[in-house]
């Protein structure tokens, strides 16, 4: 699986998340691992930062 397809999947997950309870890097990693994509949390964080997506704590809406 290419890094570009993983980045697209991460972007889709973040765009469809609940704004009151955004997905953490670990939760994104767990979902990807369940879908058969073996990836570490550190890699998810790196891809998220490369795409300019803020961490879950900054994306949270009250």
PDB file of N, CA and C in Angstrom:
ATOM      1  N   UNK A   1       0.855  -1.178   0.000  1.00  0.00           N
ATOM      2  CA  UNK A   1       0.000   0.000   0.000  1.00  0.00           C
ATOM      3  C   UNK A   1       0.900   1.239   0.000  1.00  0.00           C
ATOM      4  N   UNK A   2       0.617   2.177  -0.897  1.00  0.00           N
ATOM      5  CA  UNK A   2       1.468   3.361  -1.006  1.00  0.00           C
ATOM      6  C   UNK A   2       1.170   4.379   0.093  1.00  0.00           C
ATOM      7  N   UNK A   3       2.147   5.219   0.359  1.00  0.00           N
ATOM      8  CA  UNK A   3       1.961   6.243   1.390  1.00  0.00           C
ATOM      9  C   UNK A   3       0.870   7.225   0.983  1.00  0.00           C
ATOM     10  N   UNK A   4       0.734   7.475  -0.311  1.00  0.00           N
ATOM     11  CA  UNK A   4      -0.305   8.404  -0.779  1.00  0.00           C
ATOM     12  C   UNK A   4      -1.699   7.867  -0.503  1.00  0.00           C
ATOM     13  N   UNK A   5      -1.907   6.567  -0.691  1.00  0.00           N
ATOM     14  CA  UNK A   5      -3.232   5.994  -0.424  1.00  0.00           C
ATOM     15  C   UNK A   5      -3.525   5.983   1.078  1.00  0.00           C
ATOM     16  N   UNK A   6      -2.494   5.766   1.893  1.00  0.00           N
ATOM     17  CA  UNK A   6      -2.676   5.810   3.349  1.00  0.00           C
ATOM     18  C   UNK A   6      -3.012   7.239   3.780  1.00  0.00           C
ATOM     19  N   UNK A   7      -2.318   8.226   3.209  1.00  0.00           N
ATOM     20  CA  UNK A   7      -2.601   9.626   3.535  1.00  0.00           C
ATOM     21  C   UNK A   7      -4.038   9.987   3.171  1.00  0.00           C
ATOM     22  N   UNK A   8      -4.509   9.511   2.019  1.00  0.00           N
ATOM     23  CA  UNK A   8      -5.884   9.789   1.606  1.00  0.00           C
ATOM     24  C   UNK A   8      -6.865   9.166   2.592  1.00  0.00           C
ATOM     25  N   UNK A   9      -6.580   7.943   3.037  1.00  0.00           N
ATOM     26  CA  UNK A   9      -7.442   7.269   4.007  1.00  0.00           C
ATOM     27  C   UNK A   9      -7.474   8.039   5.324  1.00  0.00           C
ATOM     28  N   UNK A  10      -6.312   8.497   5.788  1.00  0.00           N
ATOM     29  CA  UNK A  10      -6.244   9.274   7.029  1.00  0.00           C
ATOM     30  C   UNK A  10      -7.043  10.568   6.873  1.00  0.00           C
ATOM     31  N   UNK A  11      -6.878  11.239   5.737  1.00  0.00           N
ATOM     32  CA  UNK A  11      -7.600  12.487   5.490  1.00  0.00           C
ATOM     33  C   UNK A  11      -9.110  12.251   5.499  1.00  0.00           C
ATOM     34  N   UNK A  12      -9.556  11.148   4.881  1.00  0.00           N
ATOM     35  CA  UNK A  12     -10.983  10.810   4.870  1.00  0.00           C
ATOM     36  C   UNK A  12     -11.495  10.549   6.284  1.00  0.00           C
ATOM     37  N   UNK A  13     -10.705   9.829   7.093  1.00  0.00           N
ATOM     38  CA  UNK A  13     -11.101   9.545   8.478  1.00  0.00           C
ATOM     39  C   UNK A  13     -11.256  10.834   9.276  1.00  0.00           C
ATOM     40  N   UNK A  14     -10.297  11.737   9.127  1.00  0.00           N
ATOM     41  CA  UNK A  14     -10.314  12.984   9.891  1.00  0.00           C
ATOM     42  C   UNK A  14     -11.475  13.877   9.430  1.00  0.00           C
ATOM     43  N   UNK A  15     -11.744  13.900   8.127  1.00  0.00           N
ATOM     44  CA  UNK A  15     -12.820  14.769   7.634  1.00  0.00           C
ATOM     45  C   UNK A  15     -14.200  14.269   8.043  1.00  0.00           C
ATOM     46  N   UNK A  16     -14.330  12.972   8.325  1.00  0.00           N
ATOM     47  CA  UNK A  16     -15.640  12.427   8.696  1.00  0.00           C
ATOM     48  C   UNK A  16     -15.767  12.155  10.197  1.00  0.00           C
ATOM     49  N   UNK A  17     -14.800  12.623  10.984  1.00  0.00           N
ATOM     50  CA  UNK A  17     -14.840  12.357  12.424  1.00  0.00           C
ATOM     51  C   UNK A  17     -15.825  13.273  13.142  1.00  0.00           C
ATOM     52  N   UNK A  18     -16.177  12.891  14.352  1.00  0.00           N
ATOM     53  CA  UNK A  18     -17.035  13.699  15.217  1.00  0.00           C
ATOM     54  C   UNK A  18     -16.203  14.860  15.766  1.00  0.00           C
ATOM     55  N   UNK A  19     -16.643  16.092  15.515  1.00  0.00           N
ATOM     56  CA  UNK A  19     -15.876  17.271  15.940  1.00  0.00           C
ATOM     57  C   UNK A  19     -15.771  17.378  17.458  1.00  0.00           C
ATOM     58  N   UNK A  20     -16.725  16.790  18.172  1.00  0.00           N
ATOM     59  CA  UNK A  20     -16.671  16.830  19.631  1.00  0.00           C
ATOM     60  C   UNK A  20     -15.712  15.791  20.192  1.00  0.00           C
ATOM     61  N   UNK A  21     -15.433  14.759  19.393  1.00  0.00           N
ATOM     62  CA  UNK A  21     -14.558  13.679  19.844  1.00  0.00           C
ATOM     63  C   UNK A  21     -13.655  13.241  18.682  1.00  0.00           C
ATOM     64  N   UNK A  22     -12.668  14.070  18.320  1.00  0.00           N
ATOM     65  CA  UNK A  22     -11.806  13.747  17.180  1.00  0.00           C
ATOM     66  C   UNK A  22     -10.942  12.506  17.431  1.00  0.00           C
ATOM     67  N   UNK A  23     -10.561  11.866  16.348  1.00  0.00           N
ATOM     68  CA  UNK A  23      -9.745  10.649  16.427  1.00  0.00           C
ATOM     69  C   UNK A  23      -8.296  10.992  16.768  1.00  0.00           C
ATOM     70  N   UNK A  24      -7.748  10.291  17.738  1.00  0.00           N
ATOM     71  CA  UNK A  24      -6.328  10.451  18.068  1.00  0.00           C
ATOM     72  C   UNK A  24      -5.506   9.658  17.054  1.00  0.00           C
ATOM     73  N   UNK A  25      -4.202   9.914  17.037  1.00  0.00           N
ATOM     74  CA  UNK A  25      -3.322   9.156  16.146  1.00  0.00           C
ATOM     75  C   UNK A  25      -3.417   7.663  16.447  1.00  0.00           C
ATOM     76  N   UNK A  26      -3.536   7.301  17.724  1.00  0.00           N
ATOM     77  CA  UNK A  26      -3.628   5.889  18.101  1.00  0.00           C
ATOM     78  C   UNK A  26      -4.920   5.269  17.580  1.00  0.00           C
ATOM     79  N   UNK A  27      -6.032   5.989  17.661  1.00  0.00           N
ATOM     80  CA  UNK A  27      -7.305   5.455  17.168  1.00  0.00           C
ATOM     81  C   UNK A  27      -7.279   5.289  15.652  1.00  0.00           C
ATOM     82  N   UNK A  28      -6.649   6.234  14.953  1.00  0.00           N
ATOM     83  CA  UNK A  28      -6.497   6.115  13.500  1.00  0.00           C
ATOM     84  C   UNK A  28      -5.646   4.891  13.182  1.00  0.00           C
ATOM     85  N   UNK A  29      -4.548   4.707  13.931  1.00  0.00           N
ATOM     86  CA  UNK A  29      -3.676   3.545  13.740  1.00  0.00           C
ATOM     87  C   UNK A  29      -4.441   2.247  13.949  1.00  0.00           C
ATOM     88  N   UNK A  30      -5.241   2.181  15.021  1.00  0.00           N
ATOM     89  CA  UNK A  30      -6.024   0.977  15.307  1.00  0.00           C
ATOM     90  C   UNK A  30      -6.989   0.661  14.172  1.00  0.00           C
ATOM     91  N   UNK A  31      -7.658   1.687  13.634  1.00  0.00           N
ATOM     92  CA  UNK A  31      -8.604   1.473  12.530  1.00  0.00           C
ATOM     93  C   UNK A  31      -7.879   0.972  11.280  1.00  0.00           C
ATOM     94  N   UNK A  32      -6.723   1.568  10.978  1.00  0.00           N
ATOM     95  CA  UNK A  32      -5.961   1.138   9.806  1.00  0.00           C
ATOM     96  C   UNK A  32      -5.473  -0.299   9.973  1.00  0.00           C
ATOM     97  N   UNK A  33      -5.015  -0.643  11.177  1.00  0.00           N
ATOM     98  CA  UNK A  33      -4.552  -2.009  11.434  1.00  0.00           C
ATOM     99  C   UNK A  33      -5.688  -3.012  11.282  1.00  0.00           C
ATOM    100  N   UNK A  34      -6.906  -2.644  11.712  1.00  0.00           N
ATOM    101  CA  UNK A  34      -8.063  -3.526  11.546  1.00  0.00           C
ATOM    102  C   UNK A  34      -8.387  -3.745  10.075  1.00  0.00           C
ATOM    103  N   UNK A  35      -8.102  -2.726   9.250  1.00  0.00           N
ATOM    104  CA  UNK A  35      -8.357  -2.828   7.813  1.00  0.00           C
ATOM    105  C   UNK A  35      -7.205  -3.490   7.063  1.00  0.00           C
ATOM    106  N   UNK A  36      -6.232  -4.024   7.793  1.00  0.00           N
ATOM    107  CA  UNK A  36      -5.140  -4.752   7.162  1.00  0.00           C
ATOM    108  C   UNK A  36      -3.959  -3.904   6.744  1.00  0.00           C
ATOM    109  N   UNK A  37      -3.936  -2.640   7.158  1.00  0.00           N
ATOM    110  CA  UNK A  37      -2.806  -1.765   6.845  1.00  0.00           C
ATOM    111  C   UNK A  37      -1.935  -1.689   8.092  1.00  0.00           C
ATOM    112  N   UNK A  38      -0.775  -2.330   8.049  1.00  0.00           N
ATOM    113  CA  UNK A  38       0.120  -2.375   9.201  1.00  0.00           C
ATOM    114  C   UNK A  38       0.953  -1.094   9.239  1.00  0.00           C
ATOM    115  N   UNK A  39       0.657  -0.233  10.218  1.00  0.00           N
ATOM    116  CA  UNK A  39       1.316   1.067  10.316  1.00  0.00           C
ATOM    117  C   UNK A  39       1.457   1.435  11.793  1.00  0.00           C
ATOM    118  N   UNK A  40       2.502   2.196  12.117  1.00  0.00           N
ATOM    119  CA  UNK A  40       2.706   2.601  13.515  1.00  0.00           C
ATOM    120  C   UNK A  40       2.077   3.969  13.771  1.00  0.00           C
ATOM    121  N   UNK A  41       1.860   4.275  15.042  1.00  0.00           N
ATOM    122  CA  UNK A  41       1.280   5.558  15.429  1.00  0.00           C
ATOM    123  C   UNK A  41       2.194   6.707  15.012  1.00  0.00           C
ATOM    124  N   UNK A  42       3.496   6.509  15.137  1.00  0.00           N
ATOM    125  CA  UNK A  42       4.456   7.556  14.764  1.00  0.00           C
ATOM    126  C   UNK A  42       4.354   7.898  13.284  1.00  0.00           C
ATOM    127  N   UNK A  43       4.124   6.886  12.455  1.00  0.00           N
ATOM    128  CA  UNK A  43       3.988   7.117  11.020  1.00  0.00           C
ATOM    129  C   UNK A  43       2.695   7.862  10.722  1.00  0.00           C
ATOM    130  N   UNK A  44       1.610   7.496  11.420  1.00  0.00           N
ATOM    131  CA  UNK A  44       0.341   8.206  11.250  1.00  0.00           C
ATOM    132  C   UNK A  44       0.531   9.681  11.616  1.00  0.00           C
ATOM    133  N   UNK A  45       1.220   9.949  12.722  1.00  0.00           N
ATOM    134  CA  UNK A  45       1.470  11.330  13.153  1.00  0.00           C
ATOM    135  C   UNK A  45       2.297  12.079  12.104  1.00  0.00           C
ATOM    136  N   UNK A  46       3.292  11.422  11.542  1.00  0.00           N
ATOM    137  CA  UNK A  46       4.139  12.046  10.526  1.00  0.00           C
ATOM    138  C   UNK A  46       3.321  12.400   9.283  1.00  0.00           C
ATOM    139  N   UNK A  47       2.504  11.463   8.805  1.00  0.00           N
ATOM    140  CA  UNK A  47       1.668  11.714   7.629  1.00  0.00           C
ATOM    141  C   UNK A  47       0.665  12.831   7.905  1.00  0.00           C
ATOM    142  N   UNK A  48       0.084  12.838   9.115  1.00  0.00           N
ATOM    143  CA  UNK A  48      -0.895  13.861   9.480  1.00  0.00           C
ATOM    144  C   UNK A  48      -0.242  15.241   9.453  1.00  0.00           C
ATOM    145  N   UNK A  49       0.955  15.339  10.004  1.00  0.00           N
ATOM    146  CA  UNK A  49       1.677  16.613  10.012  1.00  0.00           C
ATOM    147  C   UNK A  49       2.058  17.046   8.599  1.00  0.00           C
ATOM    148  N   UNK A  50       2.471  16.098   7.752  1.00  0.00           N
ATOM    149  CA  UNK A  50       2.827  16.414   6.369  1.00  0.00           C
ATOM    150  C   UNK A  50       1.637  16.993   5.609  1.00  0.00           C
ATOM    151  N   UNK A  51       0.429  16.539   5.962  1.00  0.00           N
ATOM    152  CA  UNK A  51      -0.779  17.020   5.286  1.00  0.00           C
ATOM    153  C   UNK A  51      -1.324  18.295   5.921  1.00  0.00           C
ATOM    154  N   UNK A  52      -0.694  18.776   6.993  1.00  0.00           N
ATOM    155  CA  UNK A  52      -1.128  20.002   7.642  1.00  0.00           C
ATOM    156  C   UNK A  52      -2.357  19.831   8.512  1.00  0.00           C
ATOM    157  N   UNK A  53      -2.624  18.605   8.967  1.00  0.00           N
ATOM    158  CA  UNK A  53      -3.763  18.331   9.840  1.00  0.00           C
ATOM    159  C   UNK A  53      -3.282  18.430  11.284  1.00  0.00           C
ATOM    160  N   UNK A  54      -4.014  19.191  12.086  1.00  0.00           N
ATOM    161  CA  UNK A  54      -3.622  19.393  13.478  1.00  0.00           C
ATOM    162  C   UNK A  54      -3.885  18.142  14.314  1.00  0.00           C
ATOM    163  N   UNK A  55      -3.233  18.039  15.482  1.00  0.00           N
ATOM    164  CA  UNK A  55      -3.493  16.913  16.387  1.00  0.00           C
ATOM    165  C   UNK A  55      -4.938  16.947  16.900  1.00  0.00           C
ATOM    166  N   UNK A  56      -5.404  15.826  17.428  1.00  0.00           N
ATOM    167  CA  UNK A  56      -6.790  15.695  17.893  1.00  0.00           C
ATOM    168  C   UNK A  56      -7.154  16.773  18.910  1.00  0.00           C
ATOM    169  N   UNK A  57      -6.237  17.101  19.805  1.00  0.00           N
ATOM    170  CA  UNK A  57      -6.538  18.103  20.837  1.00  0.00           C
ATOM    171  C   UNK A  57      -6.811  19.480  20.236  1.00  0.00           C
ATOM    172  N   UNK A  58      -6.200  19.786  19.113  1.00  0.00           N
ATOM    173  CA  UNK A  58      -6.406  21.084  18.453  1.00  0.00           C
ATOM    174  C   UNK A  58      -7.631  21.070  17.540  1.00  0.00           C
ATOM    175  N   UNK A  59      -8.061  19.873  17.091  1.00  0.00           N
ATOM    176  CA  UNK A  59      -9.227  19.763  16.204  1.00  0.00           C
ATOM    177  C   UNK A  59     -10.538  19.715  16.971  1.00  0.00           C
ATOM    178  N   UNK A  60     -10.466  19.546  18.286  1.00  0.00           N
ATOM    179  CA  UNK A  60     -11.671  19.378  19.099  1.00  0.00           C
ATOM    180  C   UNK A  60     -12.510  20.649  19.103  1.00  0.00           C
ATOM    181  N   UNK A  61     -13.815  20.478  18.855  1.00  0.00           N
ATOM    182  CA  UNK A  61     -14.772  21.588  18.897  1.00  0.00           C
ATOM    183  C   UNK A  61     -15.701  21.387  20.081  1.00  0.00           C
ATOM    184  N   UNK A  62     -15.975  22.456  20.805  1.00  0.00           N
ATOM    185  CA  UNK A  62     -16.830  22.356  21.991  1.00  0.00           C
ATOM    186  C   UNK A  62     -18.255  22.743  21.682  1.00  0.00           C
TER     187      UNK A  62
END
